[in-house]
Protein backbone atom coordinates (compact mmCIF):
# COMPACT_ATOMS: atom_id res chain seq x y z
CA MET A 1 17.33 -32.84 -48.37
CA SER A 2 14.76 -30.35 -47.09
CA ASN A 3 12.36 -31.10 -44.25
CA THR A 4 9.43 -30.75 -46.64
CA LYS A 5 10.71 -33.78 -48.53
CA LYS A 6 11.67 -35.87 -45.54
CA SER A 7 9.28 -38.37 -44.02
CA ALA A 8 8.49 -38.34 -40.30
CA GLU A 9 10.71 -41.38 -39.78
CA GLU A 10 13.61 -39.74 -41.64
CA LEU A 11 13.28 -36.63 -39.49
CA LYS A 12 13.24 -38.71 -36.31
CA GLN A 13 16.34 -40.57 -37.46
CA THR A 14 18.08 -37.25 -38.14
CA VAL A 15 17.25 -36.07 -34.62
CA LYS A 16 18.34 -39.37 -33.07
CA GLU A 17 21.71 -39.25 -34.82
CA LYS A 18 22.25 -35.59 -34.00
CA TYR A 19 21.37 -35.98 -30.32
CA SER A 20 23.65 -38.98 -30.01
CA GLN A 21 26.44 -36.62 -31.08
CA ILE A 22 25.18 -33.80 -28.86
CA SER A 23 25.39 -36.09 -25.82
CA GLU A 24 29.18 -35.76 -26.01
CA GLN A 25 29.25 -31.97 -26.43
CA SER A 26 29.76 -29.55 -23.56
CA SER A 27 26.83 -27.74 -21.99
CA ASP A 28 28.50 -24.40 -22.81
CA TYR A 29 28.63 -25.27 -26.50
CA ASN A 30 25.05 -26.51 -26.54
CA ALA A 31 23.76 -23.44 -24.71
CA SER A 32 25.40 -21.07 -27.20
CA SER A 33 24.02 -22.90 -30.23
CA CYS A 34 20.48 -23.85 -31.23
CA CYS A 35 19.93 -26.79 -28.87
CA GLY A 36 23.41 -28.11 -29.63
CA ALA A 37 22.85 -28.30 -33.40
CA GLY A 38 25.28 -26.60 -35.74
CA GLU A 39 27.93 -24.10 -34.76
CA ALA A 40 27.90 -22.16 -31.52
CA SER A 41 27.32 -18.43 -31.65
CA GLN A 42 30.15 -16.09 -30.69
CA GLU A 43 27.68 -13.27 -30.05
CA VAL A 44 25.83 -14.62 -27.05
CA TYR A 45 26.44 -17.25 -24.42
CA ASN A 46 22.96 -18.58 -23.92
CA ILE A 47 20.39 -18.72 -26.73
CA MET A 48 17.49 -20.76 -25.34
CA THR A 49 18.23 -22.16 -21.90
CA ASP A 50 17.22 -20.81 -18.52
CA ASP A 51 19.60 -20.97 -15.57
CA TYR A 52 19.16 -24.17 -13.55
CA SER A 53 22.05 -23.58 -11.17
CA GLU A 54 19.89 -22.28 -8.31
CA VAL A 55 17.18 -24.96 -8.68
CA GLU A 56 17.20 -27.55 -5.93
CA GLY A 57 18.11 -31.00 -7.21
CA TYR A 58 20.21 -29.55 -10.05
CA ASN A 59 23.14 -31.71 -11.17
CA ALA A 60 25.77 -30.06 -13.35
CA ASP A 61 26.93 -33.37 -14.86
CA ALA A 62 23.39 -33.99 -16.12
CA ASP A 63 22.88 -30.52 -17.60
CA LEU A 64 23.76 -30.54 -21.30
CA GLY A 65 22.38 -27.05 -21.92
CA LEU A 66 19.62 -28.33 -24.21
CA GLY A 67 16.48 -26.98 -22.55
CA CYS A 68 14.41 -23.90 -23.30
CA GLY A 69 12.72 -23.45 -19.93
CA LEU A 70 12.41 -24.73 -16.36
CA PRO A 71 9.30 -26.95 -16.52
CA THR A 72 10.03 -28.70 -13.22
CA GLN A 73 9.91 -25.33 -11.46
CA PHE A 74 6.25 -24.97 -12.42
CA ALA A 75 5.17 -28.63 -12.42
CA LYS A 76 3.67 -28.68 -8.90
CA ILE A 77 5.34 -32.01 -8.10
CA LYS A 78 4.42 -33.38 -4.68
CA GLU A 79 6.22 -35.83 -2.43
CA GLY A 80 5.49 -39.40 -3.47
CA ASP A 81 4.44 -38.50 -7.04
CA THR A 82 5.30 -40.56 -10.10
CA VAL A 83 6.85 -38.22 -12.66
CA ILE A 84 7.69 -38.87 -16.32
CA ASP A 85 10.20 -36.73 -18.21
CA LEU A 86 9.89 -36.84 -22.01
CA GLY A 87 13.21 -36.59 -23.81
CA SER A 88 15.16 -36.91 -20.58
CA GLY A 89 18.65 -36.46 -22.05
CA ALA A 90 21.39 -36.81 -19.43
CA GLY A 91 18.81 -36.68 -16.64
CA ASN A 92 18.85 -33.14 -15.29
CA ASP A 93 15.08 -32.55 -15.15
CA CYS A 94 14.62 -36.05 -13.71
CA PHE A 95 16.97 -35.27 -10.86
CA VAL A 96 15.24 -31.95 -10.16
CA ALA A 97 11.90 -33.80 -10.17
CA ARG A 98 13.34 -36.44 -7.85
CA HIS A 99 14.21 -33.73 -5.34
CA GLU A 100 10.51 -32.80 -5.25
CA THR A 101 9.03 -36.31 -5.25
CA GLY A 102 11.50 -37.62 -2.64
CA ASP A 103 12.42 -41.18 -1.73
CA GLU A 104 8.79 -42.32 -1.83
CA GLY A 105 8.16 -41.15 -5.38
CA LYS A 106 9.33 -42.41 -8.74
CA VAL A 107 10.80 -40.65 -11.76
CA ILE A 108 10.90 -42.18 -15.25
CA GLY A 109 12.95 -40.58 -18.01
CA ILE A 110 12.28 -41.55 -21.63
CA ASP A 111 14.70 -40.89 -24.49
CA PHE A 112 15.32 -42.47 -27.89
CA ALA A 113 19.04 -41.62 -28.12
CA GLU A 114 20.89 -44.54 -26.56
CA PRO A 115 24.01 -42.49 -25.64
CA MET A 116 21.72 -40.14 -23.67
CA ILE A 117 20.18 -43.07 -21.80
CA ALA A 118 23.65 -44.41 -20.95
CA LYS A 119 24.81 -41.01 -19.70
CA ALA A 120 21.66 -40.53 -17.61
CA ARG A 121 21.97 -43.96 -16.00
CA LYS A 122 25.60 -43.27 -15.14
CA ASN A 123 24.60 -39.97 -13.52
CA ALA A 124 21.83 -41.67 -11.52
CA ASP A 125 24.27 -44.30 -10.29
CA LYS A 126 26.72 -41.60 -9.15
CA LEU A 127 23.92 -39.91 -7.22
CA GLY A 128 22.75 -43.19 -5.69
CA PHE A 129 19.13 -42.72 -6.81
CA ASN A 130 17.23 -46.01 -6.86
CA ASN A 131 13.88 -44.46 -7.73
CA VAL A 132 14.98 -42.74 -10.96
CA GLU A 133 14.71 -44.94 -14.03
CA PHE A 134 15.64 -44.25 -17.65
CA ARG A 135 13.83 -46.08 -20.44
CA TYR A 136 14.76 -46.24 -24.10
CA GLY A 137 11.72 -45.41 -26.21
CA ASP A 138 9.81 -43.10 -28.54
CA ILE A 139 7.60 -40.52 -26.83
CA GLU A 140 5.01 -41.09 -29.59
CA ASP A 141 4.68 -44.62 -28.19
CA MET A 142 5.82 -44.46 -24.60
CA PRO A 143 7.07 -47.62 -22.87
CA VAL A 144 4.70 -46.84 -19.99
CA SER A 145 1.31 -48.25 -18.95
CA ASP A 146 -1.94 -46.27 -18.92
CA ASN A 147 -2.79 -43.91 -16.04
CA VAL A 148 0.52 -44.15 -14.15
CA ALA A 149 1.89 -40.60 -13.93
CA ASP A 150 0.94 -37.85 -11.51
CA VAL A 151 3.00 -35.31 -13.44
CA ILE A 152 4.67 -35.25 -16.86
CA VAL A 153 7.41 -32.77 -17.71
CA SER A 154 9.43 -32.12 -20.85
CA ASN A 155 12.02 -29.53 -21.81
CA CYS A 156 12.42 -28.46 -25.44
CA VAL A 157 11.63 -31.86 -26.95
CA LEU A 158 8.17 -31.90 -28.57
CA ASN A 159 9.35 -29.44 -31.22
CA LEU A 160 11.64 -32.24 -32.45
CA VAL A 161 8.76 -34.66 -32.99
CA PRO A 162 7.04 -34.58 -36.42
CA ASN A 163 3.64 -35.75 -35.13
CA LYS A 164 2.94 -33.63 -32.06
CA PRO A 165 -0.74 -34.68 -31.66
CA ASN A 166 0.49 -38.27 -31.15
CA VAL A 167 2.68 -37.14 -28.27
CA PHE A 168 -0.13 -35.23 -26.57
CA ALA A 169 -2.37 -38.30 -26.95
CA GLU A 170 0.34 -40.41 -25.27
CA ILE A 171 0.68 -37.85 -22.48
CA TYR A 172 -3.07 -38.04 -21.93
CA ARG A 173 -2.98 -41.87 -21.93
CA THR A 174 -0.20 -42.17 -19.37
CA LEU A 175 -1.40 -39.49 -16.93
CA LYS A 176 -3.71 -40.50 -14.11
CA PRO A 177 -7.20 -38.92 -14.12
CA GLY A 178 -6.84 -35.48 -12.57
CA ALA A 179 -3.06 -35.42 -13.18
CA HIS A 180 -1.25 -32.76 -15.17
CA PHE A 181 1.78 -31.83 -17.25
CA SER A 182 4.14 -28.86 -17.43
CA ILE A 183 6.10 -28.67 -20.67
CA SER A 184 8.59 -26.12 -22.00
CA ASP A 185 8.81 -25.96 -25.78
CA ILE A 186 9.54 -23.75 -28.79
CA VAL A 187 6.63 -22.32 -30.80
CA LEU A 188 6.23 -19.80 -33.62
CA VAL A 189 4.09 -16.81 -34.40
CA GLY A 190 4.35 -16.23 -38.16
CA ASP A 191 6.31 -18.19 -40.75
CA LEU A 192 10.03 -18.93 -40.68
CA PRO A 193 12.06 -18.17 -43.80
CA ASP A 194 12.21 -21.22 -46.06
CA ALA A 195 15.96 -21.60 -45.62
CA LEU A 196 15.50 -22.08 -41.86
CA ARG A 197 12.33 -24.14 -42.05
CA GLU A 198 13.72 -26.61 -44.58
CA ASP A 199 17.13 -27.22 -43.02
CA ALA A 200 17.56 -30.53 -41.23
CA GLU A 201 20.17 -29.11 -38.87
CA MET A 202 17.79 -26.35 -37.80
CA TYR A 203 15.15 -29.02 -37.27
CA ALA A 204 17.48 -30.75 -34.81
CA GLY A 205 18.20 -27.29 -33.42
CA CYS A 206 14.68 -26.94 -32.03
CA VAL A 207 13.64 -24.22 -34.47
CA ALA A 208 12.54 -25.68 -37.81
CA GLY A 209 10.39 -28.32 -36.10
CA ALA A 210 8.42 -25.77 -34.08
CA ILE A 211 4.80 -25.14 -35.02
CA GLN A 212 2.49 -22.16 -34.63
CA LYS A 213 1.65 -21.26 -31.02
CA ASP A 214 -2.11 -21.37 -31.65
CA GLU A 215 -1.82 -24.76 -33.35
CA TYR A 216 0.28 -26.12 -30.47
CA LEU A 217 -2.32 -25.09 -27.89
CA ARG A 218 -5.13 -26.40 -30.08
CA HIS A 219 -3.55 -29.86 -30.18
CA ILE A 220 -3.52 -29.89 -26.37
CA LYS A 221 -7.18 -28.92 -26.19
CA GLU A 222 -8.29 -31.40 -28.86
CA VAL A 223 -6.81 -34.32 -26.92
CA GLY A 224 -9.10 -33.43 -24.00
CA PHE A 225 -6.92 -31.48 -21.57
CA GLU A 226 -8.37 -28.68 -19.47
CA ASN A 227 -7.02 -25.81 -17.35
CA ILE A 228 -4.54 -25.01 -20.14
CA THR A 229 -2.24 -22.24 -18.89
CA ILE A 230 0.88 -20.61 -20.28
CA GLN A 231 3.03 -20.42 -17.17
CA LYS A 232 5.95 -18.59 -18.78
CA GLU A 233 6.81 -17.14 -22.19
CA LYS A 234 10.02 -15.63 -23.49
CA THR A 235 11.32 -14.53 -26.87
CA ILE A 236 14.07 -16.58 -28.54
CA THR A 237 16.58 -14.60 -30.60
CA ILE A 238 18.81 -16.39 -33.09
CA PRO A 239 22.14 -14.52 -33.35
CA ASP A 240 23.26 -13.06 -36.67
CA ASP A 241 26.33 -15.29 -36.94
CA ILE A 242 24.02 -18.32 -37.00
CA LEU A 243 21.47 -16.72 -39.31
CA ASN A 244 24.29 -15.87 -41.71
CA LYS A 245 24.60 -19.55 -42.53
CA TYR A 246 21.08 -19.58 -43.96
CA LEU A 247 20.04 -16.06 -44.94
CA SER A 248 21.43 -13.09 -46.82
CA GLU A 249 21.91 -9.80 -45.01
CA GLU A 250 18.72 -8.49 -46.58
CA GLU A 251 16.80 -11.61 -45.54
CA ILE A 252 18.12 -11.33 -41.99
CA ASP A 253 16.90 -7.72 -41.75
CA GLU A 254 13.51 -8.74 -43.12
CA PHE A 255 13.27 -11.67 -40.69
CA LYS A 256 14.26 -9.62 -37.65
CA ASN A 257 11.96 -6.72 -38.50
CA GLY A 258 9.02 -8.80 -39.69
CA ASP A 259 6.07 -10.36 -37.92
CA THR A 260 7.67 -13.74 -37.18
CA GLY A 261 8.51 -14.53 -33.57
CA ILE A 262 10.17 -17.56 -31.98
CA TYR A 263 9.12 -18.19 -28.40
CA SER A 264 9.81 -20.53 -25.54
CA ILE A 265 6.60 -21.28 -23.67
CA THR A 266 5.97 -23.37 -20.58
CA VAL A 267 2.47 -24.85 -20.75
CA PHE A 268 0.43 -26.45 -17.98
CA ALA A 269 -2.64 -28.62 -18.63
CA GLN A 270 -4.68 -31.16 -16.68
CA LYS A 271 -6.30 -34.45 -17.67
CA LEU A 272 -10.03 -34.73 -17.16
CA GLY A 273 -11.26 -36.68 -14.16
CA GLY A 274 -10.03 -37.22 -10.64
CA ASN A 275 -10.90 -35.41 -7.45
CA ASP A 276 -7.80 -33.27 -7.02
CA LYS A 277 -8.37 -30.29 -9.25
CA VAL A 278 -5.58 -27.75 -9.57
CA ASP A 279 -6.74 -24.30 -8.52
CA GLU A 280 -6.67 -22.21 -11.70
CA GLN A 281 -5.86 -19.13 -9.59
CA GLU A 282 -2.64 -20.65 -8.23
CA ILE A 283 -0.63 -19.62 -11.29
CA GLU A 284 -0.96 -16.24 -12.97
CA MET A 285 0.74 -15.11 -16.14
CA ILE A 286 2.45 -11.73 -16.31
CA GLU A 287 4.67 -10.15 -18.95
CA ASP A 288 7.98 -11.25 -17.42
CA GLY A 289 6.87 -14.69 -16.28
CA PRO A 290 4.80 -16.41 -13.61
CA VAL A 291 3.63 -15.20 -10.26
CA CYS A 292 3.12 -18.01 -7.76
CA LYS A 293 0.50 -17.68 -5.09
CA PRO A 294 1.78 -18.07 -1.51
CA GLY A 295 1.62 -21.70 -0.47
CA SER A 296 0.80 -22.95 -3.95
CA GLY A 297 4.04 -24.92 -4.24
CA CYS A 298 4.62 -23.92 -7.85
CA CYS A 299 7.97 -22.20 -7.25
């Protein structure tokens, strides 16, 4: 059944089932496929993910190779902060955030795949972290009170949610006044071929569920966020041996040489209110990624 015919709940169930399976796959397999969905490419090792191995707080057991950025690197987390990670998986971004927030802070991971929650809790127990908590729930209706988070992060998850404005509204609700988020996600410029856009497996693979970049940023603005900044942007290339499953050789050439682009972006935005404004000059965007001002704490 194509995505155009599936309801939002059916799509969410597809993602839940797929990510329950993905929780048992190796990080190498997931990194060489589209977010762990479908077959791995033999052409490249890493399709979407950035390298976490040099990031402080990184835990290899919690890295399933499912991200498309390093949002915690840009999230400006301070010691003692309360941090929420949306779609926390096996816990990797939570553990990186915990390194920044320290013993006095708190990190809450939210995921709606129960095997992911179980794996994350096991990893937290092995690390002895008592201030990292994993909650089962839907990020369109977070199991979190209003105005509790100093920072929200997420890594390649919102593209899997059919109703993205609902998620941004929930992010706004749960952030404290003056608080902010840093989210890595997949967006589009131009239209995907129908065979990719309508395939449920590609939806779970972080591609078919992506929306237009301008629309994505507009949703953030319409909720009421300010200081919206693209902290990093990179092009995502789907290898030919994966495209071959969906497109003819002629269609692949047309897709690769056309106007459509698939991008990973890391977006920062701040909730209105509060006294602690983030200096808009602290993070600059350049062609290859971010430049962090000395002393800004963003790297």
